[in-house]
Amino acid sequence: EMSKAIKEILSNEKKFTEVAKVAFDSVDTDKSGQIDGNELEKVMVQIASDMGADPPTKEDVMEVLEHLDEDKSGKIDFNEFKVLIKDVLEAMLEEN
């Protein structure tokens, strides 16, 4: 069951990091070790599509980028990305 799997991922740091790493690598298409605005937009559009929501605007993408980009580098590194994955998983848990 979906919510059981999500709870397991969220409660197991090693498993959570593995899941986040796979997601990060699939988003980090240029393999720079960081996610830029274009890469973030692609993943947000994909998530919106999966959830049956409207695609995000450029403003939405910039807002999320600014929210996650703690060191204000203009890009999201893996640790910053893990926060996004945690948020997404928790949101999915609330829906189920």
N, C-alpha and C. Protein backbone atom coordinates (compact mmCIF):
# COMPACT_ATOMS: atom_id res chain seq x y z
N GLU A 1 0.84 -1.20 0.00
CA GLU A 1 0.00 0.00 0.00
C GLU A 1 0.88 1.25 0.00
N MET A 2 0.41 2.26 -0.73
CA MET A 2 1.20 3.47 -0.95
C MET A 2 1.61 4.18 0.35
N SER A 3 0.64 4.44 1.23
CA SER A 3 0.95 5.21 2.43
C SER A 3 1.89 4.45 3.36
N LYS A 4 1.78 3.14 3.38
CA LYS A 4 2.68 2.32 4.19
C LYS A 4 4.12 2.45 3.66
N ALA A 5 4.26 2.38 2.34
CA ALA A 5 5.57 2.51 1.71
C ALA A 5 6.18 3.88 1.99
N ILE A 6 5.36 4.92 1.92
CA ILE A 6 5.84 6.29 2.16
C ILE A 6 6.29 6.45 3.62
N LYS A 7 5.48 5.92 4.55
CA LYS A 7 5.84 5.99 5.97
C LYS A 7 7.17 5.30 6.22
N GLU A 8 7.36 4.17 5.57
CA GLU A 8 8.60 3.41 5.73
C GLU A 8 9.80 4.21 5.23
N ILE A 9 9.63 4.86 4.08
CA ILE A 9 10.71 5.69 3.52
C ILE A 9 11.03 6.86 4.45
N LEU A 10 9.98 7.52 4.94
CA LEU A 10 10.19 8.69 5.80
C LEU A 10 10.80 8.32 7.15
N SER A 11 10.55 7.10 7.62
CA SER A 11 11.07 6.71 8.94
C SER A 11 12.46 6.07 8.86
N ASN A 12 12.93 5.80 7.65
CA ASN A 12 14.23 5.14 7.49
C ASN A 12 15.17 6.07 6.72
N GLU A 13 16.08 6.72 7.44
CA GLU A 13 16.96 7.73 6.85
C GLU A 13 17.76 7.20 5.65
N LYS A 14 18.25 5.95 5.78
CA LYS A 14 19.05 5.37 4.69
C LYS A 14 18.19 5.18 3.44
N LYS A 15 17.01 4.62 3.63
CA LYS A 15 16.09 4.39 2.51
C LYS A 15 15.65 5.72 1.90
N PHE A 16 15.36 6.70 2.77
CA PHE A 16 14.96 8.02 2.31
C PHE A 16 16.05 8.65 1.44
N THR A 17 17.30 8.55 1.90
CA THR A 17 18.42 9.12 1.14
C THR A 17 18.57 8.42 -0.21
N GLU A 18 18.39 7.10 -0.23
CA GLU A 18 18.47 6.35 -1.50
C GLU A 18 17.39 6.81 -2.48
N VAL A 19 16.16 6.93 -1.99
CA VAL A 19 15.04 7.36 -2.83
C VAL A 19 15.31 8.78 -3.36
N ALA A 20 15.75 9.66 -2.46
CA ALA A 20 16.03 11.04 -2.83
C ALA A 20 17.16 11.12 -3.86
N LYS A 21 18.17 10.26 -3.70
CA LYS A 21 19.31 10.26 -4.62
C LYS A 21 18.89 9.84 -6.03
N VAL A 22 18.06 8.82 -6.11
CA VAL A 22 17.55 8.37 -7.41
C VAL A 22 16.75 9.50 -8.07
N ALA A 23 15.90 10.14 -7.28
CA ALA A 23 15.10 11.26 -7.81
C ALA A 23 16.01 12.41 -8.24
N PHE A 24 17.00 12.72 -7.40
CA PHE A 24 17.93 13.82 -7.70
C PHE A 24 18.67 13.56 -9.00
N ASP A 25 19.20 12.34 -9.13
CA ASP A 25 19.96 11.99 -10.34
C ASP A 25 19.10 12.05 -11.59
N SER A 26 17.82 11.70 -11.45
CA SER A 26 16.95 11.73 -12.62
C SER A 26 16.59 13.17 -13.02
N VAL A 27 16.63 14.08 -12.05
CA VAL A 27 16.34 15.49 -12.32
C VAL A 27 17.59 16.23 -12.79
N ASP A 28 18.74 15.87 -12.20
CA ASP A 28 20.01 16.53 -12.51
C ASP A 28 20.54 16.00 -13.84
N THR A 29 19.87 16.41 -14.93
CA THR A 29 20.14 15.81 -16.23
C THR A 29 21.53 16.13 -16.77
N ASP A 30 22.11 17.26 -16.36
CA ASP A 30 23.47 17.57 -16.84
C ASP A 30 24.55 17.03 -15.89
N LYS A 31 24.11 16.30 -14.85
CA LYS A 31 25.03 15.65 -13.91
C LYS A 31 26.00 16.62 -13.26
N SER A 32 25.53 17.85 -12.98
CA SER A 32 26.38 18.87 -12.37
C SER A 32 26.45 18.72 -10.85
N GLY A 33 25.57 17.89 -10.30
CA GLY A 33 25.50 17.77 -8.85
C GLY A 33 24.61 18.84 -8.23
N GLN A 34 24.01 19.65 -9.10
CA GLN A 34 23.07 20.67 -8.64
C GLN A 34 21.91 20.75 -9.62
N ILE A 35 20.78 21.19 -9.11
CA ILE A 35 19.59 21.32 -9.95
C ILE A 35 19.34 22.80 -10.19
N ASP A 36 19.24 23.18 -11.46
CA ASP A 36 18.97 24.58 -11.78
C ASP A 36 17.48 24.77 -12.03
N GLY A 37 17.09 25.98 -12.34
CA GLY A 37 15.68 26.32 -12.54
C GLY A 37 15.00 25.49 -13.61
N ASN A 38 15.69 25.26 -14.72
CA ASN A 38 15.10 24.47 -15.82
C ASN A 38 14.85 23.03 -15.40
N GLU A 39 15.82 22.45 -14.71
CA GLU A 39 15.68 21.07 -14.24
C GLU A 39 14.56 20.97 -13.20
N LEU A 40 14.49 21.97 -12.32
CA LEU A 40 13.44 22.00 -11.31
C LEU A 40 12.06 22.12 -11.95
N GLU A 41 11.97 22.96 -12.97
CA GLU A 41 10.70 23.15 -13.67
C GLU A 41 10.21 21.83 -14.26
N LYS A 42 11.13 21.08 -14.88
CA LYS A 42 10.75 19.78 -15.48
C LYS A 42 10.16 18.85 -14.43
N VAL A 43 10.81 18.77 -13.27
CA VAL A 43 10.33 17.84 -12.23
C VAL A 43 9.01 18.33 -11.65
N MET A 44 8.83 19.64 -11.50
CA MET A 44 7.57 20.17 -10.98
C MET A 44 6.41 19.94 -11.95
N VAL A 45 6.69 20.08 -13.23
CA VAL A 45 5.67 19.80 -14.25
C VAL A 45 5.28 18.33 -14.20
N GLN A 46 6.29 17.46 -14.05
CA GLN A 46 6.05 16.01 -13.96
C GLN A 46 5.20 15.66 -12.73
N ILE A 47 5.56 16.24 -11.58
CA ILE A 47 4.82 15.97 -10.34
C ILE A 47 3.38 16.45 -10.48
N ALA A 48 3.21 17.66 -11.03
CA ALA A 48 1.87 18.22 -11.22
C ALA A 48 1.03 17.31 -12.12
N SER A 49 1.65 16.84 -13.19
CA SER A 49 0.98 15.95 -14.12
C SER A 49 0.59 14.63 -13.45
N ASP A 50 1.50 14.08 -12.65
CA ASP A 50 1.22 12.84 -11.91
C ASP A 50 0.07 13.01 -10.93
N MET A 51 -0.03 14.19 -10.34
CA MET A 51 -1.05 14.44 -9.33
C MET A 51 -2.33 15.01 -9.95
N GLY A 52 -2.33 15.19 -11.27
CA GLY A 52 -3.51 15.72 -11.96
C GLY A 52 -3.74 17.19 -11.67
N ALA A 53 -2.66 17.92 -11.36
CA ALA A 53 -2.77 19.35 -11.06
C ALA A 53 -2.34 20.18 -12.27
N ASP A 54 -2.63 21.48 -12.21
CA ASP A 54 -2.20 22.37 -13.29
C ASP A 54 -0.68 22.49 -13.26
N PRO A 55 -0.06 22.62 -14.45
CA PRO A 55 1.40 22.77 -14.46
C PRO A 55 1.81 24.07 -13.76
N PRO A 56 2.98 24.07 -13.12
CA PRO A 56 3.43 25.25 -12.40
C PRO A 56 3.80 26.39 -13.36
N THR A 57 3.65 27.62 -12.90
CA THR A 57 4.10 28.79 -13.67
C THR A 57 5.59 29.00 -13.38
N LYS A 58 6.22 29.87 -14.16
CA LYS A 58 7.62 30.23 -13.90
C LYS A 58 7.77 30.79 -12.49
N GLU A 59 6.74 31.57 -12.06
CA GLU A 59 6.77 32.15 -10.71
C GLU A 59 6.76 31.05 -9.65
N ASP A 60 5.93 30.02 -9.87
CA ASP A 60 5.88 28.89 -8.94
C ASP A 60 7.26 28.25 -8.81
N VAL A 61 7.89 28.03 -9.96
CA VAL A 61 9.19 27.37 -9.98
C VAL A 61 10.22 28.22 -9.23
N MET A 62 10.23 29.53 -9.49
CA MET A 62 11.18 30.43 -8.82
C MET A 62 10.93 30.46 -7.31
N GLU A 63 9.65 30.42 -6.92
CA GLU A 63 9.31 30.41 -5.49
C GLU A 63 9.88 29.18 -4.80
N VAL A 64 9.69 28.02 -5.44
CA VAL A 64 10.20 26.77 -4.86
C VAL A 64 11.72 26.81 -4.83
N LEU A 65 12.33 27.30 -5.91
CA LEU A 65 13.79 27.40 -5.97
C LEU A 65 14.31 28.26 -4.82
N GLU A 66 13.69 29.42 -4.63
CA GLU A 66 14.12 30.31 -3.55
C GLU A 66 13.89 29.69 -2.18
N HIS A 67 12.78 28.98 -2.04
CA HIS A 67 12.44 28.34 -0.76
C HIS A 67 13.47 27.26 -0.40
N LEU A 68 13.91 26.50 -1.38
CA LEU A 68 14.82 25.38 -1.13
C LEU A 68 16.29 25.78 -1.13
N ASP A 69 16.59 26.86 -1.84
CA ASP A 69 17.98 27.26 -2.07
C ASP A 69 18.53 28.01 -0.85
N GLU A 70 18.88 27.25 0.19
CA GLU A 70 19.28 27.86 1.46
C GLU A 70 20.56 28.69 1.36
N ASP A 71 21.49 28.27 0.53
CA ASP A 71 22.74 29.02 0.43
C ASP A 71 22.68 30.11 -0.65
N LYS A 72 21.49 30.30 -1.24
CA LYS A 72 21.25 31.35 -2.25
C LYS A 72 22.22 31.29 -3.42
N SER A 73 22.53 30.06 -3.86
CA SER A 73 23.45 29.88 -4.99
C SER A 73 22.71 29.96 -6.32
N GLY A 74 21.37 29.95 -6.28
CA GLY A 74 20.58 29.92 -7.50
C GLY A 74 20.35 28.51 -7.99
N LYS A 75 20.91 27.55 -7.27
CA LYS A 75 20.73 26.13 -7.62
C LYS A 75 20.44 25.34 -6.36
N ILE A 76 19.94 24.15 -6.55
CA ILE A 76 19.59 23.29 -5.42
C ILE A 76 20.58 22.12 -5.37
N ASP A 77 21.24 21.97 -4.23
CA ASP A 77 22.13 20.82 -4.08
C ASP A 77 21.35 19.65 -3.47
N PHE A 78 22.02 18.53 -3.29
CA PHE A 78 21.32 17.32 -2.85
C PHE A 78 20.63 17.49 -1.50
N ASN A 79 21.32 18.12 -0.54
CA ASN A 79 20.72 18.29 0.79
C ASN A 79 19.48 19.19 0.73
N GLU A 80 19.54 20.22 -0.10
CA GLU A 80 18.38 21.10 -0.27
C GLU A 80 17.24 20.34 -0.96
N PHE A 81 17.60 19.48 -1.92
CA PHE A 81 16.61 18.69 -2.67
C PHE A 81 15.88 17.70 -1.76
N LYS A 82 16.60 17.16 -0.77
CA LYS A 82 16.00 16.19 0.15
C LYS A 82 14.81 16.81 0.88
N VAL A 83 14.87 18.12 1.16
CA VAL A 83 13.76 18.82 1.80
C VAL A 83 12.52 18.77 0.91
N LEU A 84 12.72 18.97 -0.40
CA LEU A 84 11.61 18.91 -1.36
C LEU A 84 10.99 17.52 -1.39
N ILE A 85 11.82 16.49 -1.45
CA ILE A 85 11.34 15.11 -1.51
C ILE A 85 10.53 14.79 -0.24
N LYS A 86 11.04 15.24 0.90
CA LYS A 86 10.33 15.01 2.16
C LYS A 86 8.96 15.68 2.11
N ASP A 87 8.91 16.93 1.64
CA ASP A 87 7.64 17.66 1.52
C ASP A 87 6.67 16.93 0.61
N VAL A 88 7.17 16.47 -0.55
CA VAL A 88 6.32 15.77 -1.52
C VAL A 88 5.77 14.48 -0.92
N LEU A 89 6.63 13.71 -0.26
CA LEU A 89 6.20 12.44 0.35
C LEU A 89 5.15 12.69 1.44
N GLU A 90 5.38 13.73 2.26
CA GLU A 90 4.43 14.04 3.32
C GLU A 90 3.08 14.50 2.74
N ALA A 91 3.14 15.26 1.64
CA ALA A 91 1.91 15.70 0.97
C ALA A 91 1.13 14.51 0.40
N MET A 92 1.88 13.55 -0.17
CA MET A 92 1.26 12.35 -0.72
C MET A 92 0.61 11.53 0.40
N LEU A 93 1.25 11.51 1.54
CA LEU A 93 0.75 10.77 2.70
C LEU A 93 -0.59 11.36 3.16
N GLU A 94 -0.69 12.69 3.16
CA GLU A 94 -1.92 13.36 3.59
C GLU A 94 -3.06 13.09 2.61
N GLU A 95 -2.73 12.92 1.33
CA GLU A 95 -3.77 12.67 0.32
C GLU A 95 -4.35 11.27 0.42
N ASN A 96 -3.53 10.31 0.85
CA ASN A 96 -3.98 8.91 0.89
C ASN A 96 -4.82 8.59 2.11
